C-alpha atoms as a PDB file:
ATOM      1  CA  MET A   1      24.130  45.824 -64.756  1.00  0.00           C
ATOM      2  CA  LEU A   2      21.179  47.336 -66.525  1.00  0.00           C
ATOM      3  CA  LEU A   3      20.984  50.176 -64.117  1.00  0.00           C
ATOM      4  CA  GLU A   4      24.708  50.836 -64.619  1.00  0.00           C
ATOM      5  CA  ALA A   5      24.158  50.988 -68.336  1.00  0.00           C
ATOM      6  CA  GLU A   6      21.347  53.471 -67.888  1.00  0.00           C
ATOM      7  CA  LYS A   7      23.657  55.578 -65.724  1.00  0.00           C
ATOM      8  CA  ILE A   8      26.426  55.532 -68.363  1.00  0.00           C
ATOM      9  CA  GLY A   9      23.889  56.465 -71.028  1.00  0.00           C
ATOM     10  CA  ARG A  10      22.745  59.458 -68.951  1.00  0.00           C
ATOM     11  CA  GLU A  11      26.254  60.600 -68.415  1.00  0.00           C
ATOM     12  CA  ARG A  12      26.848  60.486 -72.119  1.00  0.00           C
ATOM     13  CA  GLY A  13      23.720  62.439 -72.959  1.00  0.00           C
ATOM     14  CA  ALA A  14      21.462  59.598 -74.100  1.00  0.00           C
ATOM     15  CA  LEU A  15      17.721  60.583 -74.077  1.00  0.00           C
ATOM     16  CA  PHE A  16      16.432  56.984 -73.910  1.00  0.00           C
ATOM     17  CA  VAL A  17      17.242  53.339 -73.955  1.00  0.00           C
ATOM     18  CA  THR A  18      15.718  50.454 -75.929  1.00  0.00           C
ATOM     19  CA  LEU A  19      15.804  46.765 -75.707  1.00  0.00           C
ATOM     20  CA  SER A  20      13.985  43.758 -76.901  1.00  0.00           C
ATOM     21  CA  THR A  21      12.597  40.648 -75.210  1.00  0.00           C
ATOM     22  CA  MET A  22      10.321  37.750 -76.074  1.00  0.00           C
ATOM     23  CA  ASP A  23       6.964  37.057 -74.344  1.00  0.00           C
ATOM     24  CA  TRP A  24       8.487  33.979 -72.624  1.00  0.00           C
ATOM     25  CA  GLU A  25      11.572  35.897 -71.368  1.00  0.00           C
ATOM     26  CA  ALA A  26      11.701  39.011 -69.036  1.00  0.00           C
ATOM     27  CA  LEU A  27       8.916  41.323 -69.968  1.00  0.00           C
ATOM     28  CA  PRO A  28       7.588  41.896 -66.371  1.00  0.00           C
ATOM     29  CA  PHE A  29      11.133  42.450 -65.005  1.00  0.00           C
ATOM     30  CA  TYR A  30      11.718  45.301 -67.590  1.00  0.00           C
ATOM     31  CA  GLN A  31       8.330  46.791 -66.963  1.00  0.00           C
ATOM     32  CA  LYS A  32       9.133  47.011 -63.154  1.00  0.00           C
ATOM     33  CA  LEU A  33      12.225  48.913 -64.073  1.00  0.00           C
ATOM     34  CA  GLY A  34      10.122  51.520 -65.991  1.00  0.00           C
ATOM     35  CA  TYR A  35      10.349  50.190 -69.521  1.00  0.00           C
ATOM     36  CA  SER A  36       7.223  50.428 -71.689  1.00  0.00           C
ATOM     37  CA  ILE A  37       6.188  48.483 -74.825  1.00  0.00           C
ATOM     38  CA  GLU A  38       6.792  50.552 -77.941  1.00  0.00           C
ATOM     39  CA  PHE A  39       6.295  47.859 -80.590  1.00  0.00           C
ATOM     40  CA  THR A  40       5.093  44.326 -80.633  1.00  0.00           C
ATOM     41  CA  ARG A  41       6.112  41.836 -83.436  1.00  0.00           C
ATOM     42  CA  GLU A  42       4.061  38.618 -83.917  1.00  0.00           C
ATOM     43  CA  GLY A  43       4.437  35.733 -86.110  1.00  0.00           C
ATOM     44  CA  TYR A  44       7.038  33.588 -84.356  1.00  0.00           C
ATOM     45  CA  GLU A  45       6.851  29.948 -83.794  1.00  0.00           C
ATOM     46  CA  LYS A  46       4.225  28.875 -81.208  1.00  0.00           C
ATOM     47  CA  SER A  47       2.502  32.256 -81.495  1.00  0.00           C
ATOM     48  CA  SER A  48       5.402  33.952 -79.515  1.00  0.00           C
ATOM     49  CA  ARG A  49       5.725  37.676 -79.563  1.00  0.00           C
ATOM     50  CA  MET A  50       8.715  40.014 -79.485  1.00  0.00           C
ATOM     51  CA  PHE A  51       8.441  43.252 -77.659  1.00  0.00           C
ATOM     52  CA  MET A  52      10.580  46.307 -78.337  1.00  0.00           C
ATOM     53  CA  LEU A  53      10.748  48.337 -75.043  1.00  0.00           C
ATOM     54  CA  ARG A  54      11.826  52.001 -74.325  1.00  0.00           C
ATOM     55  CA  LYS A  55      12.642  53.942 -71.244  1.00  0.00           C
ATOM     56  CA  ASP A  56      13.251  57.637 -71.223  1.00  0.00           C
ATOM     57  CA  LEU A  57      16.454  58.633 -69.410  1.00  0.00           C
END
């Protein structure tokens, strides 16, 4: 589904895609698909972190 969304974005002229995930979710999955960490937000319960990711199309 994510690859299809990227394809549609390219077809519509998008230059990049962004998404967010928590440290206990899917960070390695997104990194394997070419996403890189653009911003990290800390201060969540149990010292969790949120990552804003970006991938150039």
